[in-house]
Protein backbone atom coordinates (compact mmCIF):
# COMPACT_ATOMS: atom_id res chain seq x y z
CA MET A 1 51.93 -6.92 -24.98
CA GLN A 2 48.58 -9.17 -25.75
CA VAL A 3 45.64 -7.11 -26.46
CA VAL A 4 42.33 -7.59 -27.92
CA ARG A 5 40.32 -5.64 -30.19
CA PRO A 6 36.89 -4.32 -29.80
CA ASP A 7 35.25 -5.96 -32.60
CA GLU A 8 36.78 -9.53 -31.28
CA SER A 9 34.30 -11.99 -29.71
CA LEU A 10 34.40 -12.79 -25.92
CA GLN A 11 35.05 -16.21 -26.72
CA ARG A 12 38.36 -14.89 -28.32
CA ALA A 13 39.09 -12.82 -25.28
CA ALA A 14 38.38 -15.69 -22.88
CA GLN A 15 40.75 -17.78 -24.96
CA VAL A 16 43.56 -15.23 -24.93
CA MET A 17 43.05 -14.92 -21.13
CA ASP A 18 43.10 -18.57 -20.64
CA GLU A 19 46.30 -18.97 -22.88
CA LEU A 20 47.91 -16.34 -20.74
CA ASN A 21 46.57 -17.15 -17.17
CA VAL A 22 45.39 -13.69 -16.82
CA GLY A 23 42.16 -12.19 -15.83
CA ALA A 24 42.27 -8.70 -17.82
CA LEU A 25 43.24 -7.53 -21.24
CA PRO A 26 43.54 -4.12 -22.73
CA VAL A 27 41.09 -3.39 -25.75
CA CYS A 28 42.69 -1.34 -28.21
CA ASP A 29 42.05 -0.13 -31.63
CA GLN A 30 44.22 1.58 -34.48
CA THR A 31 44.40 4.67 -32.05
CA GLY A 32 45.25 2.73 -28.92
CA LEU A 33 43.74 1.92 -25.71
CA VAL A 34 39.99 2.46 -25.61
CA GLY A 35 38.87 0.04 -22.62
CA MET A 36 39.59 -3.06 -20.53
CA ILE A 37 38.08 -6.53 -20.70
CA THR A 38 38.07 -8.73 -17.61
CA ASP A 39 37.13 -12.42 -16.90
CA ARG A 40 34.33 -10.91 -14.63
CA ASP A 41 33.03 -8.63 -17.48
CA ILE A 42 32.29 -11.85 -19.49
CA THR A 43 30.94 -13.78 -16.56
CA VAL A 44 28.90 -10.93 -15.00
CA ARG A 45 28.15 -8.58 -17.98
CA ALA A 46 27.63 -11.27 -20.71
CA THR A 47 27.15 -14.74 -19.56
CA ALA A 48 24.66 -13.80 -16.75
CA ALA A 49 23.11 -11.69 -19.24
CA GLY A 50 22.65 -14.71 -21.85
CA LEU A 51 24.70 -13.09 -24.49
CA PRO A 52 26.44 -15.59 -26.77
CA PRO A 53 30.03 -16.06 -27.19
CA HIS A 54 30.37 -14.41 -30.44
CA THR A 55 29.23 -11.07 -28.71
CA GLN A 56 31.94 -8.60 -29.18
CA VAL A 57 34.47 -7.22 -26.77
CA SER A 58 33.04 -3.56 -27.07
CA ASP A 59 29.59 -4.76 -25.79
CA VAL A 60 30.88 -5.66 -22.20
CA MET A 61 34.31 -4.21 -21.86
CA THR A 62 34.86 -1.19 -19.47
CA ASP A 63 35.55 1.53 -21.48
CA HIS A 64 37.27 5.11 -20.48
CA ALA A 65 40.01 3.00 -18.85
CA ARG A 66 42.33 4.53 -16.52
CA TRP A 67 46.12 4.09 -17.48
CA CYS A 68 49.46 5.51 -16.71
CA THR A 69 52.62 6.13 -18.43
CA GLY A 70 56.11 4.63 -18.02
CA GLU A 71 57.44 8.00 -16.54
CA GLN A 72 55.07 8.16 -13.63
CA THR A 73 55.99 7.31 -10.34
CA VAL A 74 54.73 4.20 -8.46
CA GLN A 75 53.12 6.44 -6.14
CA GLU A 76 51.34 8.04 -8.71
CA ALA A 77 50.20 4.83 -10.14
CA MET A 78 49.13 3.35 -6.86
CA GLN A 79 47.14 6.85 -6.30
CA GLN A 80 45.20 6.18 -9.57
CA MET A 81 44.39 2.70 -8.78
CA ALA A 82 43.31 3.88 -5.58
CA ASP A 83 41.07 6.82 -6.75
CA VAL A 84 38.74 4.24 -8.65
CA GLN A 85 39.56 1.16 -6.92
CA ILE A 86 41.23 -0.67 -9.74
CA ARG A 87 43.77 -3.70 -9.18
CA ARG A 88 45.18 -3.35 -12.82
CA LEU A 89 46.48 -0.25 -14.67
CA PRO A 90 47.68 -0.24 -18.10
CA VAL A 91 50.88 1.35 -18.92
CA VAL A 92 50.88 3.49 -22.36
CA ASP A 93 53.50 5.21 -24.26
CA SER A 94 53.09 8.58 -26.03
CA GLY A 95 51.03 7.36 -29.08
CA HIS A 96 48.81 5.82 -26.40
CA ARG A 97 50.00 2.36 -27.31
CA VAL A 98 49.75 -0.18 -24.35
CA VAL A 99 53.33 -1.18 -23.28
CA GLY A 100 52.25 -3.31 -20.22
CA ILE A 101 49.98 -3.40 -17.37
CA VAL A 102 50.99 -2.62 -13.68
CA SER A 103 49.02 -4.87 -10.89
CA LEU A 104 48.43 -5.00 -7.23
CA GLY A 105 50.49 -7.95 -7.20
CA ASP A 106 53.32 -6.25 -8.99
CA LEU A 107 53.27 -3.57 -6.49
CA ALA A 108 52.93 -5.89 -3.81
CA THR A 109 56.06 -7.93 -4.75
CA ARG A 110 58.24 -4.95 -5.48
CA HIS A 111 57.00 -1.99 -3.20
CA GLN A 112 56.12 -3.48 -0.17
CA GLY A 113 56.49 -0.65 1.96
CA HIS A 114 53.64 1.29 0.14
CA VAL A 115 51.22 -1.45 -0.95
CA ALA A 116 49.36 -1.82 2.62
CA ALA A 117 47.83 1.77 2.27
CA ALA A 118 47.12 1.47 -0.96
CA LEU A 119 45.59 -2.13 -0.78
CA ARG A 120 43.40 -0.58 1.81
CA ARG A 121 42.36 2.24 -0.37
CA ILE A 122 41.69 0.04 -3.51
CA SER A 123 39.71 -2.75 -1.42
CA ASP A 124 37.79 -0.36 0.57
CA PRO A 125 34.12 -1.31 -0.24
CA SER A 126 32.72 1.82 1.01
CA MET A 127 33.38 3.83 -2.19
CA PRO A 128 30.56 3.88 -4.64
CA ASP A 129 30.27 3.66 -8.55
CA ARG A 130 33.70 2.16 -8.89
CA PRO A 131 34.56 0.65 -12.44
CA ALA A 132 34.95 -3.02 -12.75
CA ASN A 133 38.49 -3.19 -14.01
């Protein structure tokens, strides 16, 4: 699982996203998951604010990221995603190390029966103050 460190540059995070063709990466330090950085974070929080490419990931990442474990059910993961309207949820092990990411796209291709309701809850614009990851 590819991650970036909080002290890495936004340019490096963008390069990794480009190499992997993804729009989000977990941010981890020696203790485990500390946040998420998305292409939107880089574009809106950094570039639009005039921050240079060498700005640290920690300066624009979404901290306090939601996560799930591999032992949780699909329904529990979808509920967490709907609760805060996020489209990607890191999966961590017992040591809080990232072992994967479950995305709305993963759910759509593997659990079609439950996705329509989850998509409505995740995408409903009426929920204020939702995080950007």
